[in-house]
């Protein structure tokens, strides 16, 4: 019984770990699309500064840097 529980726990962890890269990739792709096209950038609404396109792109790029730092930090915990 304990072996079955351990196997299920490991499978759940592996499933979660395999989904994380896909989620990161989709987030990066959404940001890249918004950086390249003002129509997509508008979809971010109040999350972006509306003072100018350069500021919006900087904000999105900074978001990507912070996300990358978080990912690296998470890998250090495993």
Foldseek 3Di string as FASTA:
>chain_A
DVVVVVVVVVVVVVVVVVVVVVVLVVLVVLLVVVLVDVVSVCVVPPQFDPPDSVRRNVSSVVVNVVVVVVVVVVVVVD
